[in-house]
Protein backbone atom coordinates (compact mmCIF):
# COMPACT_ATOMS: atom_id res chain seq x y z
CA UNK A 1 0.00 0.00 0.00
CA UNK A 2 1.35 3.41 -0.98
CA UNK A 3 2.25 5.61 1.99
CA UNK A 4 -0.01 8.62 2.49
CA UNK A 5 1.62 11.93 1.65
CA UNK A 6 0.66 15.59 1.75
CA UNK A 7 1.01 17.28 -1.64
CA UNK A 8 1.04 20.94 -0.69
CA UNK A 9 0.37 24.26 -2.39
CA UNK A 10 1.16 27.57 -0.67
CA UNK A 11 -0.88 30.62 -1.60
CA UNK A 12 1.36 33.70 -1.22
CA UNK A 13 5.11 34.14 -1.47
CA UNK A 14 5.55 36.56 1.42
CA UNK A 15 8.27 36.16 4.02
CA UNK A 16 5.74 34.39 6.26
CA UNK A 17 4.75 32.12 3.39
CA UNK A 18 8.41 31.17 3.02
CA UNK A 19 8.41 30.02 6.65
CA UNK A 20 5.43 27.82 5.85
CA UNK A 21 7.28 26.41 2.84
CA UNK A 22 10.19 25.56 5.14
CA UNK A 23 7.72 23.73 7.37
CA UNK A 24 6.52 21.65 4.42
CA UNK A 25 10.07 20.85 3.31
CA UNK A 26 11.03 19.78 6.85
CA UNK A 27 8.19 17.26 7.06
CA UNK A 28 9.20 13.84 5.69
CA UNK A 29 5.77 12.95 4.31
CA UNK A 30 5.03 16.23 2.55
CA UNK A 31 5.91 17.66 -0.85
CA UNK A 32 5.97 21.34 -1.78
CA UNK A 33 4.25 20.93 -5.14
CA UNK A 34 2.98 24.40 -5.99
CA UNK A 35 3.20 28.05 -4.95
CA UNK A 36 1.14 31.06 -5.94
CA UNK A 37 1.47 34.83 -5.88
CA UNK A 38 0.08 37.54 -8.14
CA UNK A 39 3.64 38.93 -8.40
CA UNK A 40 5.82 36.61 -10.51
CA UNK A 41 9.03 38.35 -9.44
CA UNK A 42 8.11 37.75 -5.81
CA UNK A 43 7.68 34.04 -6.52
CA UNK A 44 11.21 33.78 -7.88
CA UNK A 45 12.68 35.91 -5.12
CA UNK A 46 11.04 33.75 -2.44
CA UNK A 47 12.11 30.47 -4.02
CA UNK A 48 15.66 31.76 -4.40
CA UNK A 49 15.78 32.58 -0.68
CA UNK A 50 14.11 29.29 0.19
CA UNK A 51 16.75 27.31 -1.69
CA UNK A 52 19.85 29.22 -0.55
CA UNK A 53 21.03 26.52 1.87
CA UNK A 54 19.36 23.48 0.35
CA UNK A 55 21.34 20.70 -1.31
CA UNK A 56 18.30 19.71 -3.34
CA UNK A 57 16.44 22.88 -4.40
CA UNK A 58 12.67 22.92 -4.18
CA UNK A 59 11.12 23.50 -7.59
CA UNK A 60 7.35 23.77 -7.17
CA UNK A 61 5.04 24.71 -10.02
CA UNK A 62 4.43 28.46 -10.13
CA UNK A 63 0.95 30.01 -10.35
CA UNK A 64 -0.31 33.58 -10.34
CA UNK A 65 -3.97 32.59 -9.85
CA UNK A 66 -4.83 30.59 -6.74
CA UNK A 67 -7.81 29.02 -8.52
CA UNK A 68 -5.39 27.46 -10.99
CA UNK A 69 -3.20 26.24 -8.13
CA UNK A 70 -6.21 24.40 -6.71
CA UNK A 71 -6.34 22.40 -9.95
CA UNK A 72 -2.73 21.25 -9.64
CA UNK A 73 -2.52 17.47 -10.28
CA UNK A 74 -2.42 15.44 -7.07
CA UNK A 75 -2.67 18.46 -4.78
CA UNK A 76 -4.42 17.61 -1.51
CA UNK A 77 -3.32 20.35 0.91
CA UNK A 78 -3.28 24.14 0.79
CA UNK A 79 -1.70 26.74 3.08
CA UNK A 80 -3.32 30.18 2.90
CA UNK A 81 -0.93 32.99 3.85
CA UNK A 82 -2.69 35.89 2.15
CA UNK A 83 -4.01 39.17 3.60
CA UNK A 84 -6.77 38.66 6.16
CA UNK A 85 -9.47 40.02 3.84
CA UNK A 86 -9.00 37.09 1.42
CA UNK A 87 -9.22 34.21 3.89
CA UNK A 88 -12.92 33.45 3.48
CA UNK A 89 -12.89 33.35 -0.31
CA UNK A 90 -9.80 31.18 -0.50
CA UNK A 91 -10.74 28.89 2.40
CA UNK A 92 -14.16 28.18 0.93
CA UNK A 93 -12.67 27.52 -2.51
CA UNK A 94 -9.95 25.21 -1.16
CA UNK A 95 -12.37 23.22 0.97
CA UNK A 96 -14.78 22.93 -1.95
CA UNK A 97 -11.88 21.59 -4.03
CA UNK A 98 -11.35 18.81 -1.46
CA UNK A 99 -8.19 20.23 0.11
CA UNK A 100 -6.91 20.02 3.65
CA UNK A 101 -6.39 23.65 4.67
CA UNK A 102 -4.00 25.43 7.01
CA UNK A 103 -5.11 29.07 7.09
CA UNK A 104 -3.07 31.87 8.65
CA UNK A 105 -4.53 33.80 11.54
CA UNK A 106 -6.77 35.72 11.94
CA UNK A 107 -9.47 33.39 10.66
CA UNK A 108 -11.41 36.35 9.23
CA UNK A 109 -12.27 39.98 9.93
CA UNK A 110 -16.06 39.81 10.19
CA UNK A 111 -18.47 37.53 12.01
CA UNK A 112 -20.21 36.77 8.70
CA UNK A 113 -16.96 35.54 7.16
CA UNK A 114 -16.07 33.48 10.24
CA UNK A 115 -19.45 31.76 10.21
CA UNK A 116 -19.05 31.01 6.51
CA UNK A 117 -15.64 29.40 7.06
CA UNK A 118 -16.87 27.44 10.09
CA UNK A 119 -19.76 26.11 7.99
CA UNK A 120 -17.51 25.22 5.05
CA UNK A 121 -15.06 23.43 7.35
CA UNK A 122 -17.86 21.56 9.12
CA UNK A 123 -19.28 20.31 5.82
CA UNK A 124 -15.91 19.33 4.36
CA UNK A 125 -14.44 15.85 4.53
CA UNK A 126 -10.97 17.33 4.97
CA UNK A 127 -9.13 19.04 7.83
CA UNK A 128 -9.13 22.78 8.45
CA UNK A 129 -6.71 24.42 10.88
CA UNK A 130 -6.09 28.04 11.83
CA UNK A 131 -2.44 29.03 12.16
CA UNK A 132 -2.32 30.33 15.74
CA UNK A 133 1.44 30.16 15.66
CA UNK A 134 2.17 31.50 19.16
CA UNK A 135 1.13 28.05 20.40
CA UNK A 136 4.29 26.64 18.77
CA UNK A 137 6.79 29.11 20.21
CA UNK A 138 9.20 27.01 22.34
CA UNK A 139 9.09 29.38 25.32
CA UNK A 140 5.28 29.42 25.39
CA UNK A 141 5.11 25.64 25.03
CA UNK A 142 7.41 25.22 28.03
CA UNK A 143 5.50 27.83 30.03
CA UNK A 144 2.21 26.02 29.42
CA UNK A 145 3.83 22.75 30.50
CA UNK A 146 4.96 24.31 33.78
CA UNK A 147 1.57 25.92 34.43
CA UNK A 148 -0.31 22.70 33.65
CA UNK A 149 1.96 20.80 36.04
CA UNK A 150 0.85 23.03 38.91
CA UNK A 151 4.41 24.13 39.69
CA UNK A 152 3.48 27.80 40.06
CA UNK A 153 0.23 26.96 41.82
CA UNK A 154 -3.16 28.33 40.81
CA UNK A 155 -3.17 31.17 38.29
CA UNK A 156 -4.76 34.41 39.43
CA UNK A 157 -3.46 37.04 36.96
CA UNK A 158 -2.09 36.74 33.42
CA UNK A 159 -1.00 39.23 30.81
CA UNK A 160 0.33 39.26 27.28
CA UNK A 161 1.16 41.93 24.76
CA UNK A 162 1.49 42.30 21.02
CA UNK A 163 3.87 45.19 20.46
CA UNK A 164 4.78 45.57 16.80
CA UNK A 165 5.64 48.74 14.89
CA UNK A 166 3.63 48.51 11.67
CA UNK A 167 4.96 51.81 10.29
CA UNK A 168 7.71 50.18 8.22
CA UNK A 169 5.38 47.55 6.73
CA UNK A 170 2.27 49.62 6.04
CA UNK A 171 3.27 50.02 2.37
CA UNK A 172 3.29 46.25 1.72
CA UNK A 173 0.09 46.02 -0.31
CA UNK A 174 -1.83 48.45 1.91
CA UNK A 175 -4.03 45.71 3.36
CA UNK A 176 -3.11 46.49 6.95
CA UNK A 177 -4.68 49.96 6.61
CA UNK A 178 -7.98 48.66 5.20
CA UNK A 179 -10.81 50.19 7.29
CA UNK A 180 -12.34 46.71 7.72
CA UNK A 181 -9.22 45.60 9.58
CA UNK A 182 -8.19 46.42 13.14
CA UNK A 183 -4.81 45.93 14.78
CA UNK A 184 -6.37 44.06 17.70
CA UNK A 185 -7.97 41.52 15.36
CA UNK A 186 -5.13 41.28 12.84
CA UNK A 187 -2.15 41.21 15.21
CA UNK A 188 -3.41 41.30 18.77
CA UNK A 189 -5.10 37.95 18.15
CA UNK A 190 -1.67 36.41 18.89
CA UNK A 191 -1.75 37.61 22.51
CA UNK A 192 -5.46 36.88 22.91
CA UNK A 193 -5.08 33.35 21.58
CA UNK A 194 -2.07 32.68 23.80
CA UNK A 195 -4.10 33.50 26.90
CA UNK A 196 -7.13 31.55 25.64
CA UNK A 197 -4.88 28.53 25.11
CA UNK A 198 -3.34 28.68 28.57
CA UNK A 199 -6.17 30.05 30.73
CA UNK A 200 -9.46 29.54 28.86
CA UNK A 201 -12.10 31.67 27.16
CA UNK A 202 -12.54 35.16 28.65
CA UNK A 203 -16.07 35.72 29.91
CA UNK A 204 -15.96 39.52 29.81
CA UNK A 205 -13.64 42.26 28.55
CA UNK A 206 -13.30 45.98 29.17
CA UNK A 207 -11.01 47.96 26.89
CA UNK A 208 -9.69 51.42 26.08
CA UNK A 209 -7.86 52.58 22.97
CA UNK A 210 -5.96 55.55 21.62
CA UNK A 211 -4.69 56.62 18.20
CA UNK A 212 -1.46 58.62 18.07
CA UNK A 213 1.02 56.60 16.03
CA UNK A 214 -0.33 55.49 12.64
CA UNK A 215 -2.11 58.38 10.86
CA UNK A 216 -2.84 56.22 7.80
CA UNK A 217 -5.23 53.89 9.67
CA UNK A 218 -8.70 54.49 11.10
CA UNK A 219 -8.36 52.13 14.06
CA UNK A 220 -6.76 52.62 17.48
CA UNK A 221 -3.04 51.88 17.33
CA UNK A 222 -2.77 51.22 21.07
CA UNK A 223 -5.33 49.26 23.09
CA UNK A 224 -5.47 47.91 26.61
CA UNK A 225 -8.01 45.22 27.51
CA UNK A 226 -8.84 43.87 30.96
CA UNK A 227 -10.42 40.42 30.98
CA UNK A 228 -12.15 38.02 33.33
CA UNK A 229 -11.33 34.35 32.76
CA UNK A 230 -12.77 31.11 34.19
CA UNK A 231 -11.68 30.00 37.69
CA UNK A 232 -11.59 33.58 38.95
CA UNK A 233 -8.52 34.51 36.90
CA UNK A 234 -8.14 38.10 35.72
CA UNK A 235 -5.92 39.24 32.89
CA UNK A 236 -4.72 41.94 30.55
CA UNK A 237 -3.83 42.21 26.87
CA UNK A 238 -1.92 45.19 25.47
CA UNK A 239 -1.80 45.76 21.72
CA UNK A 240 0.27 48.45 20.02
CA UNK A 241 0.76 48.43 16.27
CA UNK A 242 2.78 51.62 16.18
CA UNK A 243 5.04 51.28 19.24
CA UNK A 244 8.62 52.47 18.95
CA UNK A 245 10.44 49.35 20.07
CA UNK A 246 11.38 45.87 18.86
CA UNK A 247 8.61 43.34 18.23
CA UNK A 248 7.64 41.41 21.35
CA UNK A 249 4.97 39.23 22.90
CA UNK A 250 6.18 39.64 26.46
CA UNK A 251 3.85 37.68 28.75
CA UNK A 252 3.59 37.17 32.51
CA UNK A 253 1.77 34.46 34.42
CA UNK A 254 1.17 34.94 38.15
CA UNK A 255 0.39 31.87 40.26
CA UNK A 256 -0.11 31.33 43.95
CA UNK A 257 3.29 29.60 44.20
CA UNK A 258 5.30 31.35 41.54
CA UNK A 259 5.55 33.69 38.56
CA UNK A 260 6.76 33.28 34.98
CA UNK A 261 8.03 36.16 32.84
CA UNK A 262 8.59 35.17 29.22
CA UNK A 263 8.83 36.40 25.64
CA UNK A 264 8.72 34.89 22.20
CA UNK A 265 12.13 36.27 21.21
CA UNK A 266 14.30 35.60 24.27
CA UNK A 267 16.75 32.74 24.83
CA UNK A 268 15.40 32.13 28.32
CA UNK A 269 12.43 32.93 30.52
CA UNK A 270 12.32 33.75 34.22
CA UNK A 271 10.73 31.48 36.79
CA UNK A 272 10.15 32.68 40.35
CA UNK A 273 9.08 30.02 42.86
CA UNK A 274 8.29 29.84 46.56
CA UNK A 275 11.14 28.63 48.74
CA UNK A 276 11.18 25.06 50.02
CA UNK A 277 8.98 25.99 52.98
CA UNK A 278 6.47 27.89 50.83
CA UNK A 279 7.15 31.01 52.88
CA UNK A 280 8.34 33.55 50.33
CA UNK A 281 9.30 33.79 46.71
CA UNK A 282 12.85 33.52 45.48
CA UNK A 283 14.37 36.96 44.91
CA UNK A 284 16.60 35.68 42.11
CA UNK A 285 14.66 33.85 39.41
CA UNK A 286 15.66 30.69 37.63
CA UNK A 287 16.52 31.38 34.00
CA UNK A 288 15.08 28.57 31.89
CA UNK A 289 16.85 28.29 28.50
CA UNK A 290 14.65 27.86 25.43
CA UNK A 291 15.11 27.74 21.69
CA UNK A 292 14.28 31.00 19.94
CA UNK A 293 11.82 30.06 17.21
CA UNK A 294 9.39 32.92 16.86
CA UNK A 295 6.86 32.16 14.10
CA UNK A 296 7.69 28.47 14.32
CA UNK A 297 5.95 27.37 11.13
CA UNK A 298 7.93 24.12 11.12
CA UNK A 299 6.38 23.03 14.41
CA UNK A 300 2.97 24.28 13.39
CA UNK A 301 2.96 22.38 10.10
CA UNK A 302 4.15 19.23 11.87
CA UNK A 303 1.09 19.27 14.14
CA UNK A 304 -1.21 19.98 11.22
CA UNK A 305 0.29 17.28 9.02
CA UNK A 306 0.29 14.73 11.85
CA UNK A 307 -3.42 15.37 12.39
CA UNK A 308 -4.18 15.00 8.69
CA UNK A 309 -2.22 11.79 8.20
CA UNK A 310 -3.47 10.20 11.43
CA UNK A 311 -7.03 11.47 10.91
CA UNK A 312 -7.14 13.08 14.35
CA UNK A 313 -8.40 16.50 15.43
CA UNK A 314 -6.29 19.51 14.51
CA UNK A 315 -5.11 21.64 17.46
CA UNK A 316 -7.00 24.78 16.35
CA UNK A 317 -10.01 24.17 14.14
CA UNK A 318 -12.20 26.86 12.59
CA UNK A 319 -14.29 27.30 15.74
CA UNK A 320 -11.18 27.73 17.88
CA UNK A 321 -9.91 30.38 15.48
CA UNK A 322 -13.30 32.07 15.52
CA UNK A 323 -13.40 32.16 19.33
CA UNK A 324 -10.10 34.03 19.42
CA UNK A 325 -11.45 36.64 17.02
CA UNK A 326 -14.69 36.84 19.02
CA UNK A 327 -12.61 38.04 21.97
CA UNK A 328 -10.76 40.53 19.75
CA UNK A 329 -14.07 41.85 18.42
CA UNK A 330 -15.35 42.25 21.97
CA UNK A 331 -12.25 44.29 22.79
CA UNK A 332 -12.80 46.58 19.80
CA UNK A 333 -16.50 46.95 20.69
CA UNK A 334 -15.63 47.86 24.27
CA UNK A 335 -13.26 50.62 23.12
CA UNK A 336 -16.18 52.16 21.23
CA UNK A 337 -18.95 51.68 23.80
CA UNK A 338 -16.81 52.30 26.90
CA UNK A 339 -18.62 49.40 28.54
CA UNK A 340 -17.85 45.77 29.40
CA UNK A 341 -18.56 43.28 26.59
CA UNK A 342 -19.13 39.53 26.75
CA UNK A 343 -17.55 37.75 23.74
CA UNK A 344 -20.03 35.91 21.52
CA UNK A 345 -18.75 32.35 21.22
CA UNK A 346 -21.81 31.01 19.40
CA UNK A 347 -20.63 29.70 16.05
CA UNK A 348 -23.43 27.21 15.52
CA UNK A 349 -24.03 26.71 11.79
């Protein structure tokens, strides 16, 4: 019997798409068969960079129309790495074509589009996964392991931030400044999803925003959201898409027996624990070394491919992706109403 294999097409040849291509090439039972971008020069530039250190260069078929890519002979898997506004159209088309789909976050920008994708994924006979890539960052994986073990006791306060200066990338296609998009939904979903993954679904949010950094966008470029989580945990998410600093997802987890301070771009994270008599916390933290693999598309694709080939549930299906955006939408709504908002997690279709 012939061994099952993923024959993969990647829609987009952005720098993030190249990371996804590396994930495909690193997986032993996957083939990078096709790539697509409306810019032919970008396709060649991306493949040149992709093959710089490879003994056997990847040579996928090139397409400039994703609908033609979906017709590629033998193709059974698609990775969508396009601007957020295109996710619904492409996800529905790929699922209708019988493809397994890995779609970049955010799932979509409107509730209507999320419901449409959830319905298409539910009716498909293939797998659909949302690329919530913070769940594959080595530091965050280790942090979740420690929290789940009970080592820092019971969580009572958590926080995460998405601090990313968009100013230097606003000219890349202009899609980030589309009025339908918001920095909390498009980028802040990383921090929101991280906390959802570790703590659970927020039951209520209260948020404030300001707009002083990105004059070319209509949305707030700095937002602070306070959240209530299950088990009487409170939390905070800070999103700034115009901050003047290096990109970071610095996160802190406070437990009754210890505290973790971590980041997605650091070679270690800090762990404070109670002393052996549980009297007081250590004043000098342990520094836990971790691999730096921000945007770990290799690990993400491995989990997706394993689920496809073993016919098991994907880690983040369409509903999971939609729930993260439901929280983000509640944050945005709260900044406008100046009132607490309960996220709408009903994605029944």
